[in-house]
Structure formats: C-alpha cells, structure tokens
Amino acid sequence: MGTEYRTDIKELKKVLIEKDLLTLQKLAEISKIHISVLSDVLNGKRQPTSIVIDKLVLTLDLSPEQAGRIFFSIKLA
C-alpha cells in the first residue's frame, strides 16, 4: 500500500491570513480556482489536484518547503 498524503489545512489557512487573503472570493479571483473547489479543500472535503496545488503555490508564493509541508503531510491512521 502506498503512502497517503493530506493537506495541512491549518498551515494553509495561516498562509492565507499572512497574505491577506481572508475570503474565498478573493482567493478564487486571484488564483483562478473555482470557489467551490477552494471551499472543499479548505474544509478538508477533498485533496487538491496537482493543478490546484500549482495555482495555490504560485498565488501564495510558497517555497518548495512550504508547499511540501502543506500539501504533502503524511496521513496518519
């Protein structure tokens, strides 16, 4: 069985606050990600696709280390 990953939602939300992206609408406009997709990701209902991760990394100007910590946390049982 392969390793499962999860998104560290708390860390992602901290970055959104730091970048002054306090509304989903504002983040959706800037990142060009549909608001319902953002809502699902930020509420832990779905893992982001590689395209969504790429757009968030670019929008939030995340370093590779930050992106790894946020989007590739190992899912514990």
Protein backbone atom coordinates (compact mmCIF):
# COMPACT_ATOMS: atom_id res chain seq x y z
CA MET A 1 0.00 0.00 0.00
CA GLY A 2 1.33 3.46 -0.91
CA THR A 3 1.71 6.41 1.36
CA GLU A 4 -1.35 8.62 1.67
CA TYR A 5 -0.98 12.35 1.98
CA ARG A 6 -3.24 15.06 3.31
CA THR A 7 -3.33 18.83 3.15
CA ASP A 8 -2.34 20.65 6.32
CA ILE A 9 -5.37 22.93 6.37
CA LYS A 10 -4.27 24.86 9.46
CA GLU A 11 -0.94 25.74 7.86
CA LEU A 12 -2.65 26.69 4.60
CA LYS A 13 -5.07 28.97 6.44
CA LYS A 14 -2.16 30.62 8.29
CA VAL A 15 -0.55 31.46 4.95
CA LEU A 16 -3.84 32.86 3.66
CA ILE A 17 -4.02 35.17 6.68
CA GLU A 18 -0.39 36.24 6.23
CA LYS A 19 -1.09 37.05 2.56
CA ASP A 20 -4.26 38.97 3.49
CA LEU A 21 -6.47 36.59 1.51
CA LEU A 22 -9.23 36.38 4.06
CA THR A 23 -12.13 35.49 1.77
CA LEU A 24 -12.66 32.58 -0.57
CA GLN A 25 -13.96 35.00 -3.18
CA LYS A 26 -10.71 37.00 -3.17
CA LEU A 27 -8.58 33.83 -3.31
CA ALA A 28 -10.73 32.40 -6.11
CA GLU A 29 -10.37 35.57 -8.18
CA ILE A 30 -6.62 35.77 -7.78
CA SER A 31 -5.84 32.07 -8.15
CA LYS A 32 -8.41 31.33 -10.88
CA ILE A 33 -9.64 28.33 -8.87
CA HIS A 34 -13.40 27.80 -8.60
CA ILE A 35 -14.70 28.87 -5.21
CA SER A 36 -16.39 25.52 -4.56
CA VAL A 37 -13.09 23.69 -5.09
CA LEU A 38 -11.35 26.06 -2.65
CA SER A 39 -14.13 25.58 -0.12
CA ASP A 40 -13.84 21.79 -0.31
CA VAL A 41 -10.05 21.88 0.05
CA LEU A 42 -10.12 24.32 2.97
CA ASN A 43 -12.82 22.29 4.72
CA GLY A 44 -10.93 19.01 4.27
CA LYS A 45 -13.57 17.51 1.98
CA ARG A 46 -11.11 16.84 -0.85
CA GLN A 47 -7.45 16.78 -1.62
CA PRO A 48 -6.37 19.37 -4.19
CA THR A 49 -5.34 18.17 -7.64
CA SER A 50 -1.86 18.93 -8.93
CA ILE A 51 -3.30 21.79 -10.98
CA VAL A 52 -4.93 23.34 -7.89
CA ILE A 53 -1.73 22.86 -5.89
CA ASP A 54 0.27 24.56 -8.64
CA LYS A 55 -2.11 27.52 -8.77
CA LEU A 56 -2.05 27.90 -4.97
CA VAL A 57 1.74 27.67 -4.83
CA LEU A 58 2.03 30.42 -7.45
CA THR A 59 -0.71 32.61 -5.94
CA LEU A 60 0.63 32.32 -2.40
CA ASP A 61 4.29 32.46 -3.48
CA LEU A 62 5.09 29.34 -1.46
CA SER A 63 8.61 27.99 -1.23
CA PRO A 64 9.05 24.34 -2.18
CA GLU A 65 9.50 23.52 1.51
CA GLN A 66 6.26 25.29 2.49
CA ALA A 67 4.36 23.61 -0.35
CA GLY A 68 5.67 20.21 0.71
CA ARG A 69 4.67 20.75 4.34
CA ILE A 70 1.20 22.00 3.40
CA PHE A 71 0.19 19.66 0.58
CA PHE A 72 2.15 16.51 1.34
CA SER A 73 1.74 15.85 5.04
CA ILE A 74 1.67 12.13 5.65
CA LYS A 75 -1.82 10.97 6.56
CA LEU A 76 -1.74 9.14 9.85
CA ALA A 77 -4.24 6.39 10.59
